[in-house]
Amino acid sequence: MAKRLMLGHTLLVASLVAAAEPTSVNALWNDDEGFGIWLYGRPGSCHEFAYAHPPFVVVGNGGKASAFREARLDAAALKVCMRATPPAVAFCTRGHLDVRYDPTNNEYVGSYHLSLSDGSVWSGPFRAQYCKSK
């Protein structure tokens, strides 16, 4: 029974992630100082975003990317989940991030729905390009 539930959960996450993949890069990821994804919600690249140019939400759980090949991450359980850009910092109060690693392109793809402490909601599909931290 437990194996069937785990298989069902894995298939659900895989189908949600596959259905939500955008065609353009709109996020960055790295695991230089712990695994993290920077969600911009608009098209760009490592060179254009450069971990700057707000607004963006950063989510992370420490560790290395190899620990997060495919998962549903609970926003409230993440070590970092916040919009660290003007007008003020806003922390995630609830939500999730569905991630799947694409080894062919060294990218993470998926979707997110995050409620922030200022009442704003960030949600949508993402395609995160690897970008070494500055």
Foldseek 3Di string as FASTA:
>chain_A
DVVVVVVVVQVVLVVQQVVFFDPAAQWAWAQPFFTKIKGAPDHDDCVVPLVDDDFIWMFGAGDHCVVPQWDKAWQVPTPGTWGPDPPHIWGFPTWIWTWHADVVQRWIWGWIWTQTPVRDIDIGIHIHHYHDHD
